[in-house]
Amino acid sequence: MAQDEAQTAMKNKKIKKRIVKGLFLAFSFPIYAIYVALTPLSKSESVFQGFSQLLSLVPGKVGIYIRASFYSLACPNTSDEISIGFLTILSHRNTTIGPSVYIGPQCNIGKCFIGQNTLIGSGVHILSGAQQHNFEDLSTPIQEQGGTYTKIAIGEDCWLGNQALIMANLEEKTVVAAGSVVTKPFEKGAIVAGNPARVISNRFNNKKEQFSKKFKEERSDT
C-alpha cells in the first residue's frame, strides 16, 4: 500500500515537472525566435553570447527552467533536463549538454560536449581547447594571431570540483578536484588533482596508495 502511494506520488511529481517544463519551453520560444532573427546580423557568436549573458542573470528556479529551455532549442542535441546555475555563461552555440547534467553558478562554458549525469561545481571554466591563442610571432600582437577552438568532450558521470579549469577531454566517470587545471586527457574513472592535474586514484581499481605514491614521487622530482 505504502509502496503504491510512493510510486503514485513520484509519478504525479514527474507529470507536474513535465507540465512546468512545457510551460517554460513555450515561454522560451519567443526568446529563441528573436535570437534566430538577430543571428544573421553577426558573423561571430556575439548574439548567442549576448543571450547567454542575459539569461544568466535570471535568478532562482525560474532562471534554471528558462536557461534549460532556451539551450535545448539553441544548442545542438542539448537536453532540457539540465540545471544551469546563476551567472553561468555559455560562450559557443556548438555546445551539447546531456540529460541530468548539473552546472553550478558562475561558470564559463566554452565549446564542449558534456555527458549525462555529470556534475560541475561553481566557478568552473571549460575552455575550447588549449590552442585558442597563437603567440609564436613576436612582431604581431597575440590578439591578431588567431587560434584554434576545439570542442572538448566530457564523459558521462563526471564530477568537476569548484574552480576547476578544463582544457582537455575527460573520459567518463572522471573526478577533478577543486581548483585543478586539466591540460591533458586521463584514463576512464581517473581522480585527478593539482596544477597541472595528475592522477591520484581511480574509481575503477581504487589503487589509491599506488597513485598517491606515484604522485608524491613526481612532485619530489620537480
N, C-alpha and C. Protein backbone atom coordinates (compact mmCIF):
# COMPACT_ATOMS: atom_id res chain seq x y z
N MET A 1 0.83 -1.20 0.00
CA MET A 1 0.00 0.00 0.00
C MET A 1 0.87 1.26 0.00
N ALA A 2 1.82 1.30 0.97
CA ALA A 2 2.71 2.46 1.07
C ALA A 2 3.57 2.59 -0.18
N GLN A 3 3.98 1.43 -0.72
CA GLN A 3 4.81 1.46 -1.93
C GLN A 3 4.03 2.00 -3.12
N ASP A 4 2.76 1.60 -3.22
CA ASP A 4 1.90 2.09 -4.31
C ASP A 4 1.70 3.60 -4.20
N GLU A 5 1.51 4.08 -2.97
CA GLU A 5 1.32 5.51 -2.76
C GLU A 5 2.59 6.29 -3.13
N ALA A 6 3.76 5.72 -2.79
CA ALA A 6 5.03 6.37 -3.12
C ALA A 6 5.23 6.44 -4.63
N GLN A 7 4.88 5.35 -5.32
CA GLN A 7 5.02 5.32 -6.77
C GLN A 7 4.06 6.31 -7.44
N THR A 8 2.84 6.40 -6.89
CA THR A 8 1.86 7.36 -7.43
C THR A 8 2.33 8.79 -7.23
N ALA A 9 2.87 9.06 -6.04
CA ALA A 9 3.37 10.40 -5.75
C ALA A 9 4.53 10.76 -6.67
N MET A 10 5.42 9.81 -6.91
CA MET A 10 6.56 10.03 -7.80
C MET A 10 6.09 10.28 -9.23
N LYS A 11 5.10 9.51 -9.66
CA LYS A 11 4.55 9.68 -11.00
C LYS A 11 3.91 11.05 -11.16
N ASN A 12 3.14 11.47 -10.14
CA ASN A 12 2.49 12.78 -10.19
C ASN A 12 3.52 13.91 -10.20
N LYS A 13 4.61 13.72 -9.45
CA LYS A 13 5.67 14.71 -9.41
C LYS A 13 6.31 14.88 -10.79
N LYS A 14 6.55 13.75 -11.46
CA LYS A 14 7.14 13.79 -12.80
C LYS A 14 6.21 14.47 -13.80
N ILE A 15 4.90 14.21 -13.66
CA ILE A 15 3.92 14.83 -14.55
C ILE A 15 3.90 16.34 -14.35
N LYS A 16 3.88 16.78 -13.08
CA LYS A 16 3.89 18.20 -12.78
C LYS A 16 5.15 18.88 -13.31
N LYS A 17 6.29 18.19 -13.14
CA LYS A 17 7.55 18.75 -13.61
C LYS A 17 7.54 18.89 -15.13
N ARG A 18 6.98 17.89 -15.81
CA ARG A 18 6.92 17.93 -17.26
C ARG A 18 6.01 19.07 -17.74
N ILE A 19 4.90 19.30 -17.01
CA ILE A 19 3.99 20.40 -17.35
C ILE A 19 4.69 21.74 -17.19
N VAL A 20 5.41 21.90 -16.07
CA VAL A 20 6.14 23.14 -15.82
C VAL A 20 7.19 23.37 -16.91
N LYS A 21 7.92 22.32 -17.28
CA LYS A 21 8.93 22.45 -18.32
C LYS A 21 8.30 22.81 -19.66
N GLY A 22 7.12 22.24 -19.92
CA GLY A 22 6.40 22.57 -21.15
C GLY A 22 6.01 24.03 -21.20
N LEU A 23 5.56 24.57 -20.07
CA LEU A 23 5.19 25.98 -20.00
C LEU A 23 6.40 26.88 -20.24
N PHE A 24 7.52 26.54 -19.63
CA PHE A 24 8.72 27.35 -19.81
C PHE A 24 9.26 27.21 -21.24
N LEU A 25 9.08 26.05 -21.83
CA LEU A 25 9.51 25.88 -23.23
C LEU A 25 8.70 26.78 -24.14
N ALA A 26 7.38 26.84 -23.88
CA ALA A 26 6.51 27.73 -24.67
C ALA A 26 6.90 29.19 -24.46
N PHE A 27 7.27 29.54 -23.22
CA PHE A 27 7.69 30.90 -22.92
C PHE A 27 9.01 31.24 -23.61
N SER A 28 9.87 30.23 -23.79
CA SER A 28 11.20 30.46 -24.37
C SER A 28 11.18 30.56 -25.88
N PHE A 29 10.13 30.07 -26.52
CA PHE A 29 10.07 30.11 -27.98
C PHE A 29 10.19 31.54 -28.54
N PRO A 30 9.48 32.54 -27.99
CA PRO A 30 9.66 33.91 -28.49
C PRO A 30 11.09 34.42 -28.32
N ILE A 31 11.72 34.08 -27.18
CA ILE A 31 13.12 34.48 -26.95
C ILE A 31 14.02 33.84 -28.00
N TYR A 32 13.79 32.56 -28.25
CA TYR A 32 14.58 31.84 -29.26
C TYR A 32 14.34 32.42 -30.65
N ALA A 33 13.10 32.80 -30.94
CA ALA A 33 12.77 33.38 -32.25
C ALA A 33 13.52 34.69 -32.47
N ILE A 34 13.59 35.51 -31.41
CA ILE A 34 14.34 36.78 -31.51
C ILE A 34 15.81 36.49 -31.74
N TYR A 35 16.33 35.50 -31.03
CA TYR A 35 17.74 35.10 -31.20
C TYR A 35 18.01 34.67 -32.65
N VAL A 36 17.14 33.84 -33.20
CA VAL A 36 17.31 33.37 -34.58
C VAL A 36 17.26 34.54 -35.56
N ALA A 37 16.37 35.48 -35.31
CA ALA A 37 16.23 36.64 -36.20
C ALA A 37 17.46 37.53 -36.16
N LEU A 38 18.09 37.64 -35.01
CA LEU A 38 19.26 38.51 -34.87
C LEU A 38 20.57 37.86 -35.30
N THR A 39 20.61 36.53 -35.28
CA THR A 39 21.85 35.81 -35.57
C THR A 39 22.48 36.17 -36.91
N PRO A 40 21.71 36.30 -38.03
CA PRO A 40 22.35 36.63 -39.31
C PRO A 40 23.02 38.00 -39.35
N LEU A 41 22.74 38.84 -38.37
CA LEU A 41 23.32 40.19 -38.35
C LEU A 41 24.78 40.18 -37.91
N SER A 42 25.22 39.04 -37.36
CA SER A 42 26.61 38.96 -36.88
C SER A 42 27.25 37.67 -37.36
N LYS A 43 28.48 37.77 -37.86
CA LYS A 43 29.20 36.58 -38.31
C LYS A 43 29.82 35.82 -37.14
N SER A 44 29.99 36.49 -36.03
CA SER A 44 30.56 35.84 -34.85
C SER A 44 29.44 35.25 -33.99
N GLU A 45 29.81 34.77 -32.83
CA GLU A 45 28.82 34.20 -31.91
C GLU A 45 28.40 35.22 -30.86
N SER A 46 28.58 36.48 -31.17
CA SER A 46 28.28 37.52 -30.20
C SER A 46 26.79 37.57 -29.83
N VAL A 47 25.92 37.24 -30.78
CA VAL A 47 24.48 37.25 -30.49
C VAL A 47 24.16 36.16 -29.47
N PHE A 48 24.68 34.96 -29.71
CA PHE A 48 24.45 33.86 -28.77
C PHE A 48 25.02 34.21 -27.40
N GLN A 49 26.21 34.77 -27.36
CA GLN A 49 26.84 35.14 -26.09
C GLN A 49 26.01 36.19 -25.37
N GLY A 50 25.45 37.13 -26.12
CA GLY A 50 24.62 38.16 -25.51
C GLY A 50 23.38 37.57 -24.85
N PHE A 51 22.72 36.64 -25.53
CA PHE A 51 21.54 35.99 -24.95
C PHE A 51 21.92 35.15 -23.74
N SER A 52 23.08 34.49 -23.82
CA SER A 52 23.54 33.68 -22.70
C SER A 52 23.81 34.56 -21.48
N GLN A 53 24.44 35.70 -21.71
CA GLN A 53 24.71 36.63 -20.61
C GLN A 53 23.42 37.15 -19.99
N LEU A 54 22.45 37.47 -20.85
CA LEU A 54 21.17 37.99 -20.36
C LEU A 54 20.43 36.94 -19.54
N LEU A 55 20.35 35.74 -20.05
CA LEU A 55 19.62 34.68 -19.35
C LEU A 55 20.33 34.23 -18.08
N SER A 56 21.65 34.43 -18.01
CA SER A 56 22.39 34.04 -16.81
C SER A 56 22.01 34.89 -15.61
N LEU A 57 21.39 36.04 -15.86
CA LEU A 57 21.04 36.98 -14.78
C LEU A 57 19.72 36.64 -14.11
N VAL A 58 18.95 35.73 -14.69
CA VAL A 58 17.64 35.37 -14.11
C VAL A 58 17.87 34.44 -12.92
N PRO A 59 17.45 34.82 -11.72
CA PRO A 59 17.76 34.02 -10.53
C PRO A 59 16.77 32.89 -10.28
N GLY A 60 17.13 32.03 -9.34
CA GLY A 60 16.24 31.00 -8.82
C GLY A 60 15.82 29.94 -9.81
N LYS A 61 14.74 29.24 -9.45
CA LYS A 61 14.21 28.16 -10.28
C LYS A 61 13.75 28.66 -11.64
N VAL A 62 13.21 29.87 -11.67
CA VAL A 62 12.75 30.44 -12.94
C VAL A 62 13.92 30.51 -13.91
N GLY A 63 15.06 30.99 -13.45
CA GLY A 63 16.23 31.07 -14.30
C GLY A 63 16.70 29.72 -14.78
N ILE A 64 16.69 28.73 -13.89
CA ILE A 64 17.12 27.38 -14.26
C ILE A 64 16.24 26.81 -15.36
N TYR A 65 14.91 26.98 -15.22
CA TYR A 65 13.99 26.46 -16.23
C TYR A 65 14.11 27.20 -17.56
N ILE A 66 14.26 28.52 -17.50
CA ILE A 66 14.38 29.30 -18.74
C ILE A 66 15.66 28.95 -19.48
N ARG A 67 16.76 28.85 -18.76
CA ARG A 67 18.03 28.50 -19.41
C ARG A 67 17.98 27.11 -20.02
N ALA A 68 17.38 26.16 -19.30
CA ALA A 68 17.27 24.80 -19.83
C ALA A 68 16.45 24.79 -21.11
N SER A 69 15.36 25.53 -21.12
CA SER A 69 14.50 25.57 -22.30
C SER A 69 15.20 26.22 -23.49
N PHE A 70 15.84 27.38 -23.24
CA PHE A 70 16.49 28.10 -24.32
C PHE A 70 17.64 27.29 -24.92
N TYR A 71 18.49 26.73 -24.07
CA TYR A 71 19.65 25.99 -24.59
C TYR A 71 19.24 24.70 -25.29
N SER A 72 18.12 24.11 -24.88
CA SER A 72 17.64 22.91 -25.57
C SER A 72 17.18 23.25 -26.99
N LEU A 73 16.78 24.50 -27.19
CA LEU A 73 16.39 24.96 -28.53
C LEU A 73 17.59 25.45 -29.34
N ALA A 74 18.50 26.17 -28.68
CA ALA A 74 19.58 26.85 -29.40
C ALA A 74 20.82 25.99 -29.62
N CYS A 75 21.10 25.06 -28.72
CA CYS A 75 22.33 24.27 -28.80
C CYS A 75 22.04 22.87 -29.33
N PRO A 76 22.88 22.34 -30.21
CA PRO A 76 22.60 21.05 -30.85
C PRO A 76 22.54 19.90 -29.85
N ASN A 77 21.46 19.10 -29.97
CA ASN A 77 21.31 17.87 -29.19
C ASN A 77 21.42 18.09 -27.68
N THR A 78 20.96 19.24 -27.22
CA THR A 78 21.00 19.55 -25.79
C THR A 78 19.66 19.23 -25.14
N SER A 79 19.72 18.55 -24.00
CA SER A 79 18.51 18.15 -23.29
C SER A 79 17.92 19.33 -22.52
N ASP A 80 16.61 19.29 -22.27
CA ASP A 80 16.01 20.28 -21.39
C ASP A 80 15.98 19.80 -19.95
N GLU A 81 16.49 18.57 -19.72
CA GLU A 81 16.59 18.02 -18.36
C GLU A 81 17.96 18.38 -17.78
N ILE A 82 18.25 19.68 -17.72
CA ILE A 82 19.53 20.14 -17.22
C ILE A 82 19.31 21.27 -16.23
N SER A 83 20.33 21.53 -15.41
CA SER A 83 20.27 22.61 -14.44
C SER A 83 21.52 23.47 -14.60
N ILE A 84 21.33 24.72 -14.99
CA ILE A 84 22.44 25.64 -15.20
C ILE A 84 22.27 26.82 -14.25
N GLY A 85 23.28 27.03 -13.42
CA GLY A 85 23.18 27.99 -12.32
C GLY A 85 23.27 29.45 -12.71
N PHE A 86 23.00 30.28 -11.73
CA PHE A 86 23.01 31.74 -11.85
C PHE A 86 24.39 32.24 -12.27
N LEU A 87 24.42 33.16 -13.23
CA LEU A 87 25.64 33.80 -13.73
C LEU A 87 26.55 32.85 -14.52
N THR A 88 26.05 31.70 -14.90
CA THR A 88 26.83 30.80 -15.75
C THR A 88 26.58 31.15 -17.21
N ILE A 89 27.68 31.25 -17.98
CA ILE A 89 27.60 31.69 -19.38
C ILE A 89 28.13 30.62 -20.31
N LEU A 90 27.43 30.40 -21.40
CA LEU A 90 27.91 29.53 -22.49
C LEU A 90 28.48 30.43 -23.58
N SER A 91 29.72 30.20 -23.97
CA SER A 91 30.40 31.08 -24.92
C SER A 91 30.15 30.71 -26.37
N HIS A 92 29.76 29.45 -26.63
CA HIS A 92 29.60 29.00 -28.01
C HIS A 92 28.30 28.21 -28.15
N ARG A 93 27.62 28.45 -29.25
CA ARG A 93 26.39 27.71 -29.53
C ARG A 93 26.68 26.23 -29.72
N ASN A 94 27.83 25.89 -30.31
CA ASN A 94 28.19 24.50 -30.57
C ASN A 94 28.60 23.80 -29.28
N THR A 95 27.65 23.74 -28.36
CA THR A 95 27.83 23.07 -27.08
C THR A 95 26.67 22.11 -26.88
N THR A 96 26.97 20.89 -26.50
CA THR A 96 25.95 19.86 -26.32
C THR A 96 25.95 19.41 -24.87
N ILE A 97 24.78 19.46 -24.23
CA ILE A 97 24.66 19.08 -22.82
C ILE A 97 23.66 17.96 -22.68
N GLY A 98 24.10 16.85 -22.13
CA GLY A 98 23.25 15.68 -21.98
C GLY A 98 22.27 15.80 -20.82
N PRO A 99 21.33 14.87 -20.70
CA PRO A 99 20.32 14.92 -19.64
C PRO A 99 20.92 14.74 -18.25
N SER A 100 20.26 15.32 -17.27
CA SER A 100 20.64 15.22 -15.85
C SER A 100 22.01 15.81 -15.56
N VAL A 101 22.43 16.78 -16.36
CA VAL A 101 23.69 17.49 -16.10
C VAL A 101 23.40 18.67 -15.18
N TYR A 102 24.25 18.83 -14.17
CA TYR A 102 24.16 19.99 -13.27
C TYR A 102 25.40 20.86 -13.46
N ILE A 103 25.20 22.15 -13.72
CA ILE A 103 26.29 23.11 -13.83
C ILE A 103 26.03 24.21 -12.81
N GLY A 104 26.97 24.41 -11.90
CA GLY A 104 26.79 25.36 -10.82
C GLY A 104 26.87 26.80 -11.27
N PRO A 105 26.74 27.73 -10.34
CA PRO A 105 26.76 29.16 -10.66
C PRO A 105 28.15 29.65 -11.03
N GLN A 106 28.19 30.75 -11.76
CA GLN A 106 29.41 31.48 -12.10
C GLN A 106 30.42 30.65 -12.89
N CYS A 107 29.93 29.80 -13.76
CA CYS A 107 30.81 29.02 -14.63
C CYS A 107 30.90 29.68 -16.00
N ASN A 108 31.97 29.37 -16.72
CA ASN A 108 32.12 29.81 -18.10
C ASN A 108 32.37 28.58 -18.95
N ILE A 109 31.40 28.24 -19.78
CA ILE A 109 31.43 27.00 -20.55
C ILE A 109 31.74 27.31 -22.01
N GLY A 110 32.88 26.81 -22.49
CA GLY A 110 33.26 27.00 -23.88
C GLY A 110 32.62 25.95 -24.77
N LYS A 111 33.19 25.76 -25.95
CA LYS A 111 32.67 24.78 -26.91
C LYS A 111 32.96 23.38 -26.38
N CYS A 112 31.91 22.64 -26.04
CA CYS A 112 32.15 21.33 -25.43
C CYS A 112 30.93 20.41 -25.54
N PHE A 113 31.17 19.14 -25.26
CA PHE A 113 30.11 18.14 -25.10
C PHE A 113 30.18 17.68 -23.65
N ILE A 114 29.06 17.69 -22.96
CA ILE A 114 29.00 17.25 -21.57
C ILE A 114 28.05 16.07 -21.47
N GLY A 115 28.57 14.92 -21.07
CA GLY A 115 27.78 13.70 -20.99
C GLY A 115 26.79 13.72 -19.84
N GLN A 116 25.79 12.87 -19.93
CA GLN A 116 24.71 12.86 -18.95
C GLN A 116 25.20 12.52 -17.54
N ASN A 117 24.47 13.03 -16.57
CA ASN A 117 24.72 12.80 -15.14
C ASN A 117 26.02 13.40 -14.63
N THR A 118 26.60 14.30 -15.38
CA THR A 118 27.83 14.96 -14.94
C THR A 118 27.51 16.14 -14.03
N LEU A 119 28.32 16.32 -13.00
CA LEU A 119 28.17 17.42 -12.05
C LEU A 119 29.33 18.39 -12.21
N ILE A 120 29.03 19.67 -12.34
CA ILE A 120 30.06 20.69 -12.48
C ILE A 120 29.84 21.73 -11.39
N GLY A 121 30.86 21.92 -10.56
CA GLY A 121 30.74 22.83 -9.42
C GLY A 121 30.73 24.30 -9.81
N SER A 122 30.81 25.15 -8.81
CA SER A 122 30.77 26.60 -9.03
C SER A 122 32.11 27.11 -9.58
N GLY A 123 32.03 28.11 -10.43
CA GLY A 123 33.23 28.78 -10.91
C GLY A 123 34.12 27.94 -11.80
N VAL A 124 33.59 26.89 -12.40
CA VAL A 124 34.39 26.04 -13.29
C VAL A 124 34.49 26.69 -14.66
N HIS A 125 35.68 26.62 -15.26
CA HIS A 125 35.89 27.13 -16.62
C HIS A 125 36.26 25.97 -17.53
N ILE A 126 35.48 25.79 -18.59
CA ILE A 126 35.80 24.79 -19.60
C ILE A 126 36.19 25.55 -20.87
N LEU A 127 37.47 25.54 -21.19
CA LEU A 127 37.95 26.26 -22.37
C LEU A 127 37.72 25.44 -23.63
N SER A 128 37.70 26.13 -24.76
CA SER A 128 37.56 25.44 -26.05
C SER A 128 38.93 24.97 -26.53
N GLY A 129 39.54 24.10 -25.75
CA GLY A 129 40.87 23.59 -26.06
C GLY A 129 41.96 24.49 -25.50
N ALA A 130 43.21 24.09 -25.73
CA ALA A 130 44.36 24.81 -25.18
C ALA A 130 45.09 25.64 -26.22
N GLN A 131 44.52 25.75 -27.43
CA GLN A 131 45.20 26.47 -28.52
C GLN A 131 44.36 27.62 -29.05
N GLN A 132 43.67 28.31 -28.16
CA GLN A 132 42.79 29.40 -28.60
C GLN A 132 43.58 30.63 -29.06
N HIS A 133 44.80 30.76 -28.60
CA HIS A 133 45.60 31.93 -28.97
C HIS A 133 47.00 31.49 -29.40
N ASN A 134 47.38 31.86 -30.61
CA ASN A 134 48.75 31.66 -31.05
C ASN A 134 49.61 32.83 -30.56
N PHE A 135 50.89 32.56 -30.29
CA PHE A 135 51.75 33.63 -29.78
C PHE A 135 53.19 33.50 -30.26
N GLU A 136 53.41 32.71 -31.34
CA GLU A 136 54.76 32.47 -31.83
C GLU A 136 55.37 33.70 -32.50
N ASP A 137 54.55 34.50 -33.18
CA ASP A 137 55.04 35.65 -33.93
C ASP A 137 55.18 36.86 -33.00
N LEU A 138 56.42 37.19 -32.66
CA LEU A 138 56.65 38.29 -31.72
C LEU A 138 56.40 39.66 -32.34
N SER A 139 56.29 39.72 -33.66
CA SER A 139 56.06 41.00 -34.32
C SER A 139 54.58 41.33 -34.46
N THR A 140 53.72 40.39 -34.10
CA THR A 140 52.27 40.57 -34.23
C THR A 140 51.61 40.43 -32.86
N PRO A 141 50.72 41.36 -32.48
CA PRO A 141 50.03 41.20 -31.20
C PRO A 141 49.31 39.86 -31.11
N ILE A 142 49.31 39.27 -29.95
CA ILE A 142 48.69 37.95 -29.75
C ILE A 142 47.23 37.95 -30.19
N GLN A 143 46.51 39.03 -29.92
CA GLN A 143 45.09 39.06 -30.26
C GLN A 143 44.84 39.05 -31.76
N GLU A 144 45.89 39.30 -32.56
CA GLU A 144 45.74 39.29 -34.01
C GLU A 144 46.25 38.01 -34.65
N GLN A 145 46.80 37.10 -33.87
CA GLN A 145 47.40 35.89 -34.43
C GLN A 145 46.42 34.73 -34.57
N GLY A 146 45.23 34.89 -34.03
CA GLY A 146 44.23 33.84 -34.17
C GLY A 146 44.52 32.63 -33.29
N GLY A 147 43.77 31.57 -33.54
CA GLY A 147 43.94 30.35 -32.76
C GLY A 147 42.95 29.30 -33.22
N THR A 148 42.91 28.19 -32.50
CA THR A 148 42.04 27.07 -32.85
C THR A 148 41.11 26.75 -31.69
N TYR A 149 39.81 26.69 -31.99
CA TYR A 149 38.82 26.33 -30.97
C TYR A 149 38.42 24.87 -31.15
N THR A 150 38.58 24.10 -30.10
CA THR A 150 38.29 22.66 -30.13
C THR A 150 37.10 22.36 -29.23
N LYS A 151 36.23 21.47 -29.69
CA LYS A 151 35.08 21.06 -28.87
C LYS A 151 35.54 19.99 -27.89
N ILE A 152 35.66 20.38 -26.63
CA ILE A 152 36.11 19.47 -25.58
C ILE A 152 35.00 18.49 -25.22
N ALA A 153 35.37 17.23 -25.02
CA ALA A 153 34.39 16.19 -24.66
C ALA A 153 34.57 15.80 -23.20
N ILE A 154 33.50 15.92 -22.44
CA ILE A 154 33.48 15.48 -21.04
C ILE A 154 32.51 14.32 -20.94
N GLY A 155 32.99 13.19 -20.48
CA GLY A 155 32.20 11.96 -20.48
C GLY A 155 31.06 11.97 -19.46
N GLU A 156 30.32 10.88 -19.45
CA GLU A 156 29.20 10.74 -18.53
C GLU A 156 29.67 10.54 -17.09
N ASP A 157 28.82 10.96 -16.16
CA ASP A 157 29.03 10.70 -14.73
C ASP A 157 30.38 11.20 -14.23
N CYS A 158 30.75 12.42 -14.65
CA CYS A 158 31.96 13.05 -14.14
C CYS A 158 31.60 14.05 -13.04
N TRP A 159 32.60 14.41 -12.25
CA TRP A 159 32.41 15.42 -11.22
C TRP A 159 33.59 16.38 -11.29
N LEU A 160 33.29 17.65 -11.60
CA LEU A 160 34.30 18.68 -11.70
C LEU A 160 34.14 19.61 -10.50
N GLY A 161 35.14 19.65 -9.64
CA GLY A 161 35.07 20.45 -8.42
C GLY A 161 35.12 21.94 -8.67
N ASN A 162 34.78 22.72 -7.66
CA ASN A 162 34.75 24.18 -7.77
C ASN A 162 36.08 24.74 -8.28
N GLN A 163 35.97 25.73 -9.16
CA GLN A 163 37.11 26.48 -9.68
C GLN A 163 38.06 25.65 -10.55
N ALA A 164 37.65 24.48 -10.98
CA ALA A 164 38.49 23.68 -11.88
C ALA A 164 38.58 24.35 -13.25
N LEU A 165 39.71 24.13 -13.92
CA LEU A 165 39.93 24.67 -15.26
C LEU A 165 40.21 23.50 -16.20
N ILE A 166 39.38 23.35 -17.22
CA ILE A 166 39.45 22.19 -18.11
C ILE A 166 39.86 22.62 -19.51
N MET A 167 40.97 22.03 -20.01
CA MET A 167 41.45 22.34 -21.35
C MET A 167 41.63 21.11 -22.22
N ALA A 168 41.21 19.94 -21.72
CA ALA A 168 41.38 18.69 -22.46
C ALA A 168 40.18 17.78 -22.22
N ASN A 169 40.05 16.75 -23.06
CA ASN A 169 38.94 15.81 -22.92
C ASN A 169 39.02 15.05 -21.60
N LEU A 170 37.85 14.69 -21.08
CA LEU A 170 37.76 13.87 -19.87
C LEU A 170 36.94 12.63 -20.17
N GLU A 171 37.48 11.48 -19.84
CA GLU A 171 36.74 10.23 -20.02
C GLU A 171 35.61 10.15 -19.00
N GLU A 172 34.70 9.21 -19.23
CA GLU A 172 33.56 9.05 -18.33
C GLU A 172 34.01 8.70 -16.92
N LYS A 173 33.23 9.13 -15.94
CA LYS A 173 33.43 8.84 -14.52
C LYS A 173 34.71 9.44 -13.95
N THR A 174 35.22 10.49 -14.59
CA THR A 174 36.39 11.19 -14.07
C THR A 174 35.98 12.14 -12.94
N VAL A 175 36.84 12.26 -11.95
CA VAL A 175 36.66 13.22 -10.86
C VAL A 175 37.83 14.19 -10.88
N VAL A 176 37.51 15.49 -10.92
CA VAL A 176 38.53 16.53 -10.93
C VAL A 176 38.41 17.32 -9.63
N ALA A 177 39.49 17.35 -8.85
CA ALA A 177 39.46 18.04 -7.56
C ALA A 177 39.31 19.55 -7.76
N ALA A 178 38.78 20.21 -6.75
CA ALA A 178 38.57 21.65 -6.80
C ALA A 178 39.88 22.38 -7.06
N GLY A 179 39.82 23.37 -7.95
CA GLY A 179 40.98 24.20 -8.24
C GLY A 179 42.01 23.57 -9.16
N SER A 180 41.73 22.38 -9.68
CA SER A 180 42.70 21.69 -10.54
C SER A 180 42.68 22.25 -11.95
N VAL A 181 43.82 22.11 -12.64
CA VAL A 181 43.96 22.57 -14.02
C VAL A 181 44.26 21.36 -14.90
N VAL A 182 43.29 20.97 -15.72
CA VAL A 182 43.42 19.79 -16.57
C VAL A 182 43.97 20.21 -17.93
N THR A 183 45.18 19.74 -18.26
CA THR A 183 45.82 20.11 -19.52
C THR A 183 45.97 18.94 -20.47
N LYS A 184 45.62 17.73 -20.02
CA LYS A 184 45.75 16.55 -20.87
C LYS A 184 44.70 15.51 -20.48
N PRO A 185 44.39 14.56 -21.37
CA PRO A 185 43.41 13.52 -21.06
C PRO A 185 43.96 12.51 -20.04
N PHE A 186 43.05 11.82 -19.37
CA PHE A 186 43.40 10.76 -18.44
C PHE A 186 42.53 9.54 -18.72
N GLU A 187 42.87 8.43 -18.07
CA GLU A 187 42.10 7.20 -18.29
C GLU A 187 40.72 7.31 -17.64
N LYS A 188 39.83 6.45 -18.08
CA LYS A 188 38.46 6.42 -17.56
C LYS A 188 38.46 6.20 -16.06
N GLY A 189 37.65 6.98 -15.35
CA GLY A 189 37.50 6.83 -13.91
C GLY A 189 38.60 7.47 -13.09
N ALA A 190 39.49 8.21 -13.73
CA ALA A 190 40.60 8.81 -13.00
C ALA A 190 40.13 9.86 -12.00
N ILE A 191 40.80 9.93 -10.86
CA ILE A 191 40.60 11.01 -9.89
C ILE A 191 41.86 11.85 -9.95
N VAL A 192 41.72 13.11 -10.38
CA VAL A 192 42.90 13.94 -10.63
C VAL A 192 42.86 15.20 -9.78
N ALA A 193 44.06 15.72 -9.50
CA ALA A 193 44.16 16.93 -8.68
C ALA A 193 45.46 17.64 -9.00
N GLY A 194 45.49 18.94 -8.75
CA GLY A 194 46.73 19.70 -8.87
C GLY A 194 46.77 20.61 -10.08
N ASN A 195 47.87 21.37 -10.18
CA ASN A 195 48.12 22.28 -11.29
C ASN A 195 49.56 22.11 -11.76
N PRO A 196 49.76 21.41 -12.89
CA PRO A 196 48.73 20.74 -13.71
C PRO A 196 48.21 19.48 -13.02
N ALA A 197 47.00 19.08 -13.37
CA ALA A 197 46.35 17.93 -12.72
C ALA A 197 47.09 16.63 -13.00
N ARG A 198 47.19 15.80 -11.97
CA ARG A 198 47.81 14.47 -12.09
C ARG A 198 46.90 13.44 -11.42
N VAL A 199 47.03 12.21 -11.81
CA VAL A 199 46.19 11.14 -11.26
C VAL A 199 46.62 10.82 -9.84
N ILE A 200 45.64 10.78 -8.92
CA ILE A 200 45.93 10.38 -7.54
C ILE A 200 45.19 9.09 -7.17
N SER A 201 44.21 8.71 -7.98
CA SER A 201 43.47 7.47 -7.72
C SER A 201 42.62 7.16 -8.94
N ASN A 202 41.84 6.07 -8.86
CA ASN A 202 40.95 5.70 -9.94
C ASN A 202 39.70 5.06 -9.37
N ARG A 203 38.55 5.44 -9.87
CA ARG A 203 37.28 4.95 -9.33
C ARG A 203 37.05 3.49 -9.64
N PHE A 204 37.74 2.94 -10.63
CA PHE A 204 37.52 1.55 -11.01
C PHE A 204 38.38 0.57 -10.21
N ASN A 205 39.67 0.87 -10.10
CA ASN A 205 40.52 -0.10 -9.40
C ASN A 205 40.90 0.34 -8.00
N ASN A 206 40.60 1.60 -7.66
CA ASN A 206 40.79 2.12 -6.30
C ASN A 206 42.21 1.92 -5.79
N LYS A 207 43.20 2.04 -6.66
CA LYS A 207 44.59 1.90 -6.25
C LYS A 207 45.08 3.24 -5.69
N LYS A 208 44.50 3.64 -4.61
CA LYS A 208 44.78 4.97 -4.07
C LYS A 208 46.21 5.09 -3.59
N GLU A 209 46.68 4.10 -2.88
CA GLU A 209 48.03 4.19 -2.34
C GLU A 209 49.07 4.23 -3.45
N GLN A 210 48.87 3.39 -4.48
CA GLN A 210 49.81 3.35 -5.60
C GLN A 210 49.87 4.70 -6.31
N PHE A 211 48.71 5.28 -6.60
CA PHE A 211 48.67 6.55 -7.30
C PHE A 211 49.20 7.68 -6.41
N SER A 212 48.89 7.63 -5.11
CA SER A 212 49.36 8.66 -4.21
C SER A 212 50.89 8.64 -4.12
N LYS A 213 51.46 7.44 -4.07
CA LYS A 213 52.91 7.30 -4.02
C LYS A 213 53.55 7.84 -5.28
N LYS A 214 52.94 7.49 -6.44
CA LYS A 214 53.46 7.96 -7.72
C LYS A 214 53.37 9.48 -7.80
N PHE A 215 52.27 10.04 -7.30
CA PHE A 215 52.07 11.49 -7.33
C PHE A 215 53.13 12.19 -6.48
N LYS A 216 53.40 11.64 -5.29
CA LYS A 216 54.40 12.25 -4.40
C LYS A 216 55.81 12.16 -5.00
N GLU A 217 56.11 11.02 -5.64
CA GLU A 217 57.42 10.84 -6.27
C GLU A 217 57.61 11.85 -7.39
N GLU A 218 56.55 12.04 -8.21
CA GLU A 218 56.65 13.00 -9.31
C GLU A 218 56.81 14.42 -8.78
N ARG A 219 56.12 14.74 -7.67
CA ARG A 219 56.23 16.07 -7.08
C ARG A 219 57.64 16.32 -6.55
N SER A 220 58.24 15.26 -5.96
CA SER A 220 59.58 15.42 -5.39
C SER A 220 60.65 15.58 -6.46
N ASP A 221 60.35 15.08 -7.70
CA ASP A 221 61.32 15.18 -8.79
C ASP A 221 61.29 16.55 -9.46
N THR A 222 60.23 17.31 -9.23
CA THR A 222 60.09 18.60 -9.91
C THR A 222 60.69 19.74 -9.08
